[in-house]
Amino acid sequence: MEKLDILNKLDPEDKEKIIYFAKILLKQEKYQKLKREIEERKKEIENGEVFTHEEIWKKLNV
């Protein structure tokens, strides 16, 4: 959280610069893979395809 506090100290113009470069980074393949996985999970949740805690523990044999 300390790193986010640094952003609050920047003036609006510099914050925009940081946002610009962050957007470029997020377009990289390693982040796109994560984005696709998140979108898939959202669809599963919307369709009710989720596990209960009990199902997870049973699957892990705990």
PDB file of N, CA and C in Angstrom:
ATOM      1  N   MET A   1       0.812  -1.196   0.000  1.00  0.00           N
ATOM      2  CA  MET A   1       0.000   0.000   0.000  1.00  0.00           C
ATOM      3  C   MET A   1       0.858   1.264   0.000  1.00  0.00           C
ATOM      4  N   GLU A   2       2.039   1.148   0.542  1.00  0.00           N
ATOM      5  CA  GLU A   2       2.917   2.314   0.600  1.00  0.00           C
ATOM      6  C   GLU A   2       3.201   2.852  -0.801  1.00  0.00           C
ATOM      7  N   LYS A   3       3.332   1.955  -1.763  1.00  0.00           N
ATOM      8  CA  LYS A   3       3.623   2.374  -3.131  1.00  0.00           C
ATOM      9  C   LYS A   3       2.454   3.148  -3.726  1.00  0.00           C
ATOM     10  N   LEU A   4       1.241   2.787  -3.366  1.00  0.00           N
ATOM     11  CA  LEU A   4       0.075   3.520  -3.862  1.00  0.00           C
ATOM     12  C   LEU A   4       0.001   4.912  -3.251  1.00  0.00           C
ATOM     13  N   ASP A   5       0.491   5.064  -2.040  1.00  0.00           N
ATOM     14  CA  ASP A   5       0.499   6.374  -1.399  1.00  0.00           C
ATOM     15  C   ASP A   5       1.374   7.350  -2.174  1.00  0.00           C
ATOM     16  N   ILE A   6       2.414   6.833  -2.813  1.00  0.00           N
ATOM     17  CA  ILE A   6       3.300   7.683  -3.606  1.00  0.00           C
ATOM     18  C   ILE A   6       2.524   8.325  -4.745  1.00  0.00           C
ATOM     19  N   LEU A   7       1.624   7.556  -5.361  1.00  0.00           N
ATOM     20  CA  LEU A   7       0.828   8.100  -6.465  1.00  0.00           C
ATOM     21  C   LEU A   7      -0.006   9.287  -6.022  1.00  0.00           C
ATOM     22  N   ASN A   8      -0.485   9.256  -4.800  1.00  0.00           N
ATOM     23  CA  ASN A   8      -1.306  10.361  -4.296  1.00  0.00           C
ATOM     24  C   ASN A   8      -0.520  11.658  -4.180  1.00  0.00           C
ATOM     25  N   LYS A   9       0.801  11.559  -4.103  1.00  0.00           N
ATOM     26  CA  LYS A   9       1.640  12.750  -3.973  1.00  0.00           C
ATOM     27  C   LYS A   9       1.940  13.403  -5.321  1.00  0.00           C
ATOM     28  N   LEU A  10       1.683  12.681  -6.410  1.00  0.00           N
ATOM     29  CA  LEU A  10       1.970  13.216  -7.736  1.00  0.00           C
ATOM     30  C   LEU A  10       0.900  14.197  -8.182  1.00  0.00           C
ATOM     31  N   ASP A  11       1.315  15.129  -9.025  1.00  0.00           N
ATOM     32  CA  ASP A  11       0.312  16.039  -9.574  1.00  0.00           C
ATOM     33  C   ASP A  11      -0.458  15.308 -10.677  1.00  0.00           C
ATOM     34  N   PRO A  12      -1.626  15.805 -11.052  1.00  0.00           N
ATOM     35  CA  PRO A  12      -2.488  15.103 -12.019  1.00  0.00           C
ATOM     36  C   PRO A  12      -1.799  14.760 -13.347  1.00  0.00           C
ATOM     37  N   GLU A  13      -0.955  15.648 -13.836  1.00  0.00           N
ATOM     38  CA  GLU A  13      -0.271  15.394 -15.110  1.00  0.00           C
ATOM     39  C   GLU A  13       0.657  14.177 -15.005  1.00  0.00           C
ATOM     40  N   ASP A  14       1.392  14.083 -13.901  1.00  0.00           N
ATOM     41  CA  ASP A  14       2.296  12.953 -13.713  1.00  0.00           C
ATOM     42  C   ASP A  14       1.531  11.655 -13.456  1.00  0.00           C
ATOM     43  N   LYS A  15       0.390  11.745 -12.777  1.00  0.00           N
ATOM     44  CA  LYS A  15      -0.453  10.563 -12.583  1.00  0.00           C
ATOM     45  C   LYS A  15      -0.907  10.013 -13.927  1.00  0.00           C
ATOM     46  N   GLU A  16      -1.259  10.907 -14.846  1.00  0.00           N
ATOM     47  CA  GLU A  16      -1.677  10.483 -16.185  1.00  0.00           C
ATOM     48  C   GLU A  16      -0.554   9.763 -16.907  1.00  0.00           C
ATOM     49  N   LYS A  17       0.675  10.209 -16.716  1.00  0.00           N
ATOM     50  CA  LYS A  17       1.829   9.547 -17.338  1.00  0.00           C
ATOM     51  C   LYS A  17       1.974   8.118 -16.804  1.00  0.00           C
ATOM     52  N   ILE A  18       1.829   7.969 -15.494  1.00  0.00           N
ATOM     53  CA  ILE A  18       1.929   6.643 -14.880  1.00  0.00           C
ATOM     54  C   ILE A  18       0.825   5.741 -15.417  1.00  0.00           C
ATOM     55  N   ILE A  19      -0.379   6.247 -15.510  1.00  0.00           N
ATOM     56  CA  ILE A  19      -1.515   5.472 -16.031  1.00  0.00           C
ATOM     57  C   ILE A  19      -1.255   5.054 -17.468  1.00  0.00           C
ATOM     58  N   TYR A  20      -0.716   5.960 -18.276  1.00  0.00           N
ATOM     59  CA  TYR A  20      -0.408   5.661 -19.673  1.00  0.00           C
ATOM     60  C   TYR A  20       0.540   4.464 -19.779  1.00  0.00           C
ATOM     61  N   PHE A  21       1.635   4.501 -19.011  1.00  0.00           N
ATOM     62  CA  PHE A  21       2.607   3.412 -19.070  1.00  0.00           C
ATOM     63  C   PHE A  21       2.057   2.120 -18.469  1.00  0.00           C
ATOM     64  N   ALA A  22       1.231   2.228 -17.452  1.00  0.00           N
ATOM     65  CA  ALA A  22       0.616   1.029 -16.878  1.00  0.00           C
ATOM     66  C   ALA A  22      -0.280   0.350 -17.901  1.00  0.00           C
ATOM     67  N   LYS A  23      -1.009   1.137 -18.679  1.00  0.00           N
ATOM     68  CA  LYS A  23      -1.870   0.567 -19.724  1.00  0.00           C
ATOM     69  C   LYS A  23      -1.040  -0.168 -20.767  1.00  0.00           C
ATOM     70  N   ILE A  24       0.107   0.374 -21.122  1.00  0.00           N
ATOM     71  CA  ILE A  24       0.996  -0.293 -22.076  1.00  0.00           C
ATOM     72  C   ILE A  24       1.453  -1.632 -21.510  1.00  0.00           C
ATOM     73  N   LEU A  25       1.843  -1.645 -20.252  1.00  0.00           N
ATOM     74  CA  LEU A  25       2.281  -2.894 -19.615  1.00  0.00           C
ATOM     75  C   LEU A  25       1.166  -3.926 -19.584  1.00  0.00           C
ATOM     76  N   LEU A  26      -0.048  -3.488 -19.288  1.00  0.00           N
ATOM     77  CA  LEU A  26      -1.164  -4.416 -19.178  1.00  0.00           C
ATOM     78  C   LEU A  26      -1.556  -5.034 -20.518  1.00  0.00           C
ATOM     79  N   LYS A  27      -1.131  -4.433 -21.603  1.00  0.00           N
ATOM     80  CA  LYS A  27      -1.409  -4.987 -22.926  1.00  0.00           C
ATOM     81  C   LYS A  27      -0.449  -6.123 -23.276  1.00  0.00           C
ATOM     82  N   GLN A  28       0.590  -6.320 -22.479  1.00  0.00           N
ATOM     83  CA  GLN A  28       1.548  -7.387 -22.742  1.00  0.00           C
ATOM     84  C   GLN A  28       0.880  -8.743 -22.574  1.00  0.00           C
ATOM     85  N   GLU A  29       1.403  -9.734 -23.271  1.00  0.00           N
ATOM     86  CA  GLU A  29       0.804 -11.073 -23.295  1.00  0.00           C
ATOM     87  C   GLU A  29       0.649 -11.679 -21.902  1.00  0.00           C
ATOM     88  N   LYS A  30       1.636 -11.486 -21.043  1.00  0.00           N
ATOM     89  CA  LYS A  30       1.537 -12.119 -19.717  1.00  0.00           C
ATOM     90  C   LYS A  30       0.330 -11.613 -18.943  1.00  0.00           C
ATOM     91  N   TYR A  31      -0.074 -10.377 -19.160  1.00  0.00           N
ATOM     92  CA  TYR A  31      -1.245  -9.849 -18.483  1.00  0.00           C
ATOM     93  C   TYR A  31      -2.524 -10.197 -19.233  1.00  0.00           C
ATOM     94  N   GLN A  32      -2.424 -10.342 -20.538  1.00  0.00           N
ATOM     95  CA  GLN A  32      -3.596 -10.710 -21.327  1.00  0.00           C
ATOM     96  C   GLN A  32      -4.057 -12.114 -20.965  1.00  0.00           C
ATOM     97  N   LYS A  33      -3.098 -13.016 -20.699  1.00  0.00           N
ATOM     98  CA  LYS A  33      -3.437 -14.377 -20.289  1.00  0.00           C
ATOM     99  C   LYS A  33      -4.246 -14.344 -18.992  1.00  0.00           C
ATOM    100  N   LEU A  34      -3.801 -13.548 -18.046  1.00  0.00           N
ATOM    101  CA  LEU A  34      -4.509 -13.416 -16.776  1.00  0.00           C
ATOM    102  C   LEU A  34      -5.893 -12.809 -16.995  1.00  0.00           C
ATOM    103  N   LYS A  35      -5.976 -11.811 -17.859  1.00  0.00           N
ATOM    104  CA  LYS A  35      -7.262 -11.173 -18.147  1.00  0.00           C
ATOM    105  C   LYS A  35      -8.239 -12.183 -18.735  1.00  0.00           C
ATOM    106  N   ARG A  36      -7.761 -13.033 -19.663  1.00  0.00           N
ATOM    107  CA  ARG A  36      -8.628 -14.048 -20.260  1.00  0.00           C
ATOM    108  C   ARG A  36      -9.118 -15.035 -19.203  1.00  0.00           C
ATOM    109  N   GLU A  37      -8.227 -15.422 -18.292  1.00  0.00           N
ATOM    110  CA  GLU A  37      -8.626 -16.357 -17.238  1.00  0.00           C
ATOM    111  C   GLU A  37      -9.677 -15.730 -16.325  1.00  0.00           C
ATOM    112  N   ILE A  38      -9.513 -14.472 -15.994  1.00  0.00           N
ATOM    113  CA  ILE A  38     -10.490 -13.785 -15.157  1.00  0.00           C
ATOM    114  C   ILE A  38     -11.840 -13.729 -15.851  1.00  0.00           C
ATOM    115  N   GLU A  39     -11.840 -13.432 -17.147  1.00  0.00           N
ATOM    116  CA  GLU A  39     -13.099 -13.381 -17.905  1.00  0.00           C
ATOM    117  C   GLU A  39     -13.779 -14.744 -17.929  1.00  0.00           C
ATOM    118  N   GLU A  40     -12.992 -15.820 -18.080  1.00  0.00           N
ATOM    119  CA  GLU A  40     -13.564 -17.169 -18.052  1.00  0.00           C
ATOM    120  C   GLU A  40     -14.199 -17.458 -16.704  1.00  0.00           C
ATOM    121  N   ARG A  41     -13.497 -17.087 -15.639  1.00  0.00           N
ATOM    122  CA  ARG A  41     -14.018 -17.326 -14.288  1.00  0.00           C
ATOM    123  C   ARG A  41     -15.313 -16.549 -14.061  1.00  0.00           C
ATOM    124  N   LYS A  42     -15.374 -15.318 -14.580  1.00  0.00           N
ATOM    125  CA  LYS A  42     -16.596 -14.522 -14.426  1.00  0.00           C
ATOM    126  C   LYS A  42     -17.777 -15.233 -15.070  1.00  0.00           C
ATOM    127  N   LYS A  43     -17.542 -15.798 -16.256  1.00  0.00           N
ATOM    128  CA  LYS A  43     -18.612 -16.515 -16.951  1.00  0.00           C
ATOM    129  C   LYS A  43     -19.044 -17.736 -16.155  1.00  0.00           C
ATOM    130  N   GLU A  44     -18.072 -18.458 -15.580  1.00  0.00           N
ATOM    131  CA  GLU A  44     -18.398 -19.633 -14.764  1.00  0.00           C
ATOM    132  C   GLU A  44     -19.248 -19.231 -13.564  1.00  0.00           C
ATOM    133  N   ILE A  45     -18.883 -18.140 -12.931  1.00  0.00           N
ATOM    134  CA  ILE A  45     -19.626 -17.672 -11.757  1.00  0.00           C
ATOM    135  C   ILE A  45     -21.038 -17.266 -12.149  1.00  0.00           C
ATOM    136  N   GLU A  46     -21.158 -16.550 -13.276  1.00  0.00           N
ATOM    137  CA  GLU A  46     -22.478 -16.131 -13.740  1.00  0.00           C
ATOM    138  C   GLU A  46     -23.376 -17.337 -14.024  1.00  0.00           C
ATOM    139  N   ASN A  47     -22.776 -18.440 -14.471  1.00  0.00           N
ATOM    140  CA  ASN A  47     -23.528 -19.651 -14.774  1.00  0.00           C
ATOM    141  C   ASN A  47     -23.687 -20.555 -13.556  1.00  0.00           C
ATOM    142  N   GLY A  48     -23.199 -20.098 -12.406  1.00  0.00           N
ATOM    143  CA  GLY A  48     -23.329 -20.881 -11.180  1.00  0.00           C
ATOM    144  C   GLY A  48     -22.347 -22.032 -11.081  1.00  0.00           C
ATOM    145  N   GLU A  49     -21.304 -22.002 -11.881  1.00  0.00           N
ATOM    146  CA  GLU A  49     -20.314 -23.070 -11.880  1.00  0.00           C
ATOM    147  C   GLU A  49     -19.209 -22.761 -10.870  1.00  0.00           C
ATOM    148  N   VAL A  50     -19.557 -22.840  -9.600  1.00  0.00           N
ATOM    149  CA  VAL A  50     -18.599 -22.560  -8.540  1.00  0.00           C
ATOM    150  C   VAL A  50     -18.592 -23.720  -7.547  1.00  0.00           C
ATOM    151  N   PHE A  51     -17.491 -23.852  -6.818  1.00  0.00           N
ATOM    152  CA  PHE A  51     -17.368 -24.893  -5.800  1.00  0.00           C
ATOM    153  C   PHE A  51     -17.680 -24.304  -4.430  1.00  0.00           C
ATOM    154  N   THR A  52     -18.255 -25.110  -3.571  1.00  0.00           N
ATOM    155  CA  THR A  52     -18.420 -24.710  -2.176  1.00  0.00           C
ATOM    156  C   THR A  52     -17.112 -25.035  -1.463  1.00  0.00           C
ATOM    157  N   HIS A  53     -16.932 -24.487  -0.275  1.00  0.00           N
ATOM    158  CA  HIS A  53     -15.723 -24.806   0.500  1.00  0.00           C
ATOM    159  C   HIS A  53     -15.636 -26.307   0.748  1.00  0.00           C
ATOM    160  N   GLU A  54     -16.760 -26.906   1.043  1.00  0.00           N
ATOM    161  CA  GLU A  54     -16.784 -28.339   1.319  1.00  0.00           C
ATOM    162  C   GLU A  54     -16.307 -29.141   0.104  1.00  0.00           C
ATOM    163  N   GLU A  55     -16.756 -28.755  -1.074  1.00  0.00           N
ATOM    164  CA  GLU A  55     -16.338 -29.452  -2.299  1.00  0.00           C
ATOM    165  C   GLU A  55     -14.834 -29.303  -2.529  1.00  0.00           C
ATOM    166  N   ILE A  56     -14.315 -28.134  -2.247  1.00  0.00           N
ATOM    167  CA  ILE A  56     -12.873 -27.910  -2.417  1.00  0.00           C
ATOM    168  C   ILE A  56     -12.090 -28.795  -1.472  1.00  0.00           C
ATOM    169  N   TRP A  57     -12.488 -28.847  -0.190  1.00  0.00           N
ATOM    170  CA  TRP A  57     -11.764 -29.658   0.789  1.00  0.00           C
ATOM    171  C   TRP A  57     -11.847 -31.136   0.440  1.00  0.00           C
ATOM    172  N   LYS A  58     -12.997 -31.580  -0.025  1.00  0.00           N
ATOM    173  CA  LYS A  58     -13.135 -32.979  -0.428  1.00  0.00           C
ATOM    174  C   LYS A  58     -12.219 -33.297  -1.598  1.00  0.00           C
ATOM    175  N   LYS A  59     -12.152 -32.387  -2.546  1.00  0.00           N
ATOM    176  CA  LYS A  59     -11.304 -32.591  -3.721  1.00  0.00           C
ATOM    177  C   LYS A  59      -9.830 -32.663  -3.326  1.00  0.00           C
ATOM    178  N   LEU A  60      -9.466 -31.906  -2.295  1.00  0.00           N
ATOM    179  CA  LEU A  60      -8.083 -31.896  -1.825  1.00  0.00           C
ATOM    180  C   LEU A  60      -7.805 -33.008  -0.816  1.00  0.00           C
ATOM    181  N   ASN A  61      -8.836 -33.784  -0.480  1.00  0.00           N
ATOM    182  CA  ASN A  61      -8.710 -34.865   0.510  1.00  0.00           C
ATOM    183  C   ASN A  61      -8.201 -34.360   1.856  1.00  0.00           C
ATOM    184  N   VAL A  62      -8.771 -33.259   2.289  1.00  0.00           N
ATOM    185  CA  VAL A  62      -8.349 -32.680   3.574  1.00  0.00           C
ATOM    186  C   VAL A  62      -9.426 -32.941   4.601  1.00  0.00           C
TER     187      VAL A  62
END
